[in-house]
Protein backbone atom coordinates (compact mmCIF):
# COMPACT_ATOMS: atom_id res chain seq x y z
CA UNK A 1 99.01 80.75 103.82
CA UNK A 2 98.01 82.79 100.77
CA UNK A 3 95.42 80.22 99.71
CA UNK A 4 93.88 80.34 103.21
CA UNK A 5 93.53 84.11 102.98
CA UNK A 6 91.92 83.89 99.54
CA UNK A 7 89.46 81.22 100.72
CA UNK A 8 88.75 83.16 103.93
CA UNK A 9 88.09 86.36 101.97
CA UNK A 10 85.68 84.50 99.69
CA UNK A 11 83.94 82.97 102.71
CA UNK A 12 83.53 86.37 104.35
CA UNK A 13 82.02 87.64 101.09
CA UNK A 14 79.68 84.63 100.91
CA UNK A 15 78.50 85.05 104.50
CA UNK A 16 77.93 88.78 104.03
CA UNK A 17 75.80 88.03 100.96
CA UNK A 18 73.89 85.29 102.82
CA UNK A 19 73.30 87.67 105.72
CA UNK A 20 72.22 90.55 103.50
CA UNK A 21 69.82 88.43 101.47
CA UNK A 22 68.57 86.65 104.59
CA UNK A 23 67.79 89.90 106.38
CA UNK A 24 66.10 91.32 103.26
CA UNK A 25 63.87 88.23 103.03
CA UNK A 26 63.21 88.44 106.77
CA UNK A 27 62.13 92.09 106.47
CA UNK A 28 59.70 91.17 103.67
CA UNK A 29 58.27 88.34 105.77
CA UNK A 30 57.91 90.58 108.82
CA UNK A 31 56.16 93.27 106.76
CA UNK A 32 53.67 90.78 105.33
CA UNK A 33 53.19 89.34 108.82
CA UNK A 34 52.44 92.78 110.26
CA UNK A 35 49.67 93.23 107.69
CA UNK A 36 48.08 89.92 108.72
CA UNK A 37 48.16 90.53 112.46
CA UNK A 38 46.88 93.97 113.30
CA UNK A 39 46.36 93.34 117.01
CA UNK A 40 48.56 95.78 118.94
CA UNK A 41 49.22 93.18 121.65
CA UNK A 42 50.10 90.22 119.44
CA UNK A 43 52.00 92.04 116.71
CA UNK A 44 55.18 93.16 118.55
CA UNK A 45 55.73 89.83 120.28
CA UNK A 46 55.13 87.79 117.14
CA UNK A 47 57.40 90.07 115.11
CA UNK A 48 60.21 89.74 117.65
CA UNK A 49 59.88 85.96 117.84
CA UNK A 50 59.78 85.74 114.05
CA UNK A 51 62.81 88.01 113.70
CA UNK A 52 64.79 86.03 116.28
CA UNK A 53 63.97 82.72 114.61
CA UNK A 54 64.86 84.16 111.19
CA UNK A 55 68.20 85.40 112.48
CA UNK A 56 68.97 82.01 114.02
CA UNK A 57 68.19 80.42 110.63
CA UNK A 58 70.52 82.85 108.84
CA UNK A 59 73.38 82.13 111.25
CA UNK A 60 72.74 78.40 110.96
CA UNK A 61 73.14 78.58 107.18
CA UNK A 62 76.38 80.53 107.55
CA UNK A 63 77.77 78.03 110.07
CA UNK A 64 76.85 75.11 107.81
CA UNK A 65 78.55 76.77 104.82
CA UNK A 66 81.78 76.96 106.80
CA UNK A 67 81.36 73.35 107.97
CA UNK A 68 80.83 72.18 104.40
CA UNK A 69 83.99 74.01 103.36
CA UNK A 70 85.97 72.40 106.20
CA UNK A 71 84.63 69.00 105.26
CA UNK A 72 85.44 69.61 101.60
CA UNK A 73 89.06 70.56 102.24
CA UNK A 74 89.56 67.70 104.71
CA UNK A 75 90.29 69.89 107.72
CA UNK A 76 88.53 67.37 110.02
CA UNK A 77 88.00 63.63 110.12
CA UNK A 78 84.18 63.82 110.10
CA UNK A 79 81.51 66.30 109.10
CA UNK A 80 80.23 66.32 112.69
CA UNK A 81 83.62 67.59 113.87
CA UNK A 82 83.61 70.23 111.14
CA UNK A 83 80.11 71.39 112.11
CA UNK A 84 80.95 71.44 115.82
CA UNK A 85 84.17 73.38 115.22
CA UNK A 86 82.37 75.82 112.93
CA UNK A 87 79.66 76.44 115.52
CA UNK A 88 81.98 77.11 118.43
CA UNK A 89 84.32 79.19 116.27
CA UNK A 90 81.62 81.28 114.58
CA UNK A 91 80.03 82.04 117.93
CA UNK A 92 83.51 82.71 119.37
CA UNK A 93 83.03 80.23 122.20
CA UNK A 94 86.15 78.36 121.12
CA UNK A 95 86.26 75.44 123.55
CA UNK A 96 89.44 74.08 121.98
CA UNK A 97 88.46 70.44 122.38
CA UNK A 98 88.37 70.02 118.58
CA UNK A 99 91.12 71.74 116.65
CA UNK A 100 91.63 72.30 112.96
CA UNK A 101 94.59 70.84 111.10
CA UNK A 102 97.58 73.16 111.30
CA UNK A 103 97.60 74.10 107.62
CA UNK A 104 94.04 75.51 107.82
CA UNK A 105 94.00 77.23 111.21
CA UNK A 106 94.15 80.80 109.82
CA UNK A 107 90.91 80.06 107.97
CA UNK A 108 89.33 79.01 111.28
CA UNK A 109 90.43 82.16 113.06
CA UNK A 110 88.96 84.34 110.32
CA UNK A 111 85.64 82.51 110.75
CA UNK A 112 85.67 83.68 114.38
CA UNK A 113 86.15 87.31 113.35
CA UNK A 114 83.48 86.93 110.69
CA UNK A 115 81.07 85.44 113.23
CA UNK A 116 81.54 88.43 115.54
CA UNK A 117 80.68 90.80 112.70
CA UNK A 118 77.60 88.82 111.61
CA UNK A 119 76.33 88.47 115.19
CA UNK A 120 76.84 92.22 115.70
CA UNK A 121 74.93 92.95 112.51
CA UNK A 122 72.06 90.79 113.77
CA UNK A 123 72.09 92.57 117.12
CA UNK A 124 71.85 95.92 115.35
CA UNK A 125 68.93 94.58 113.30
CA UNK A 126 67.04 93.48 116.44
CA UNK A 127 67.70 96.81 118.19
CA UNK A 128 66.41 98.62 115.11
CA UNK A 129 63.30 96.43 115.12
CA UNK A 130 62.72 97.12 118.82
CA UNK A 131 63.10 100.82 118.16
CA UNK A 132 60.64 100.75 115.25
CA UNK A 133 58.14 98.87 117.38
CA UNK A 134 58.65 101.48 120.10
CA UNK A 135 59.44 98.80 122.66
CA UNK A 136 62.55 100.54 123.99
CA UNK A 137 60.87 103.60 125.47
CA UNK A 138 58.10 102.25 127.65
CA UNK A 139 56.95 103.74 130.91
CA UNK A 140 58.03 100.63 132.84
CA UNK A 141 61.47 102.20 133.07
CA UNK A 142 60.09 105.11 135.13
CA UNK A 143 57.71 103.16 137.38
CA UNK A 144 58.30 103.58 141.04
CA UNK A 145 59.35 107.20 140.71
CA UNK A 146 55.79 108.41 141.35
């Protein structure tokens, strides 16, 4: 059990670093993009689409890192099973149709907790972006009160 906790702690650290670096790169890309597209109509939509796609890419990398770990330690028969398990665990869907070998299941549960934190961090990033683009306080919320 101790080795699982050590590996899980290292994986949480790795995913936090991936997420931090990924969001920093994404911010730089979005800033350079906003200089290229000055149109007030195109800019917010393109920034949101770009941010969403960037966040999906960051989460994909994190899921694949877990899957590669599972494949490396032999927790599943095939890499496809490892990737599937990692995806449903990270996203906390947890179908239960593919289960990890008993001696590694604590590691899998910590991936679920880690996924919740990383998805929450991404949500906060998107809300912050919406706020900076002033897309949260539009008059469409008060229409019909006239």
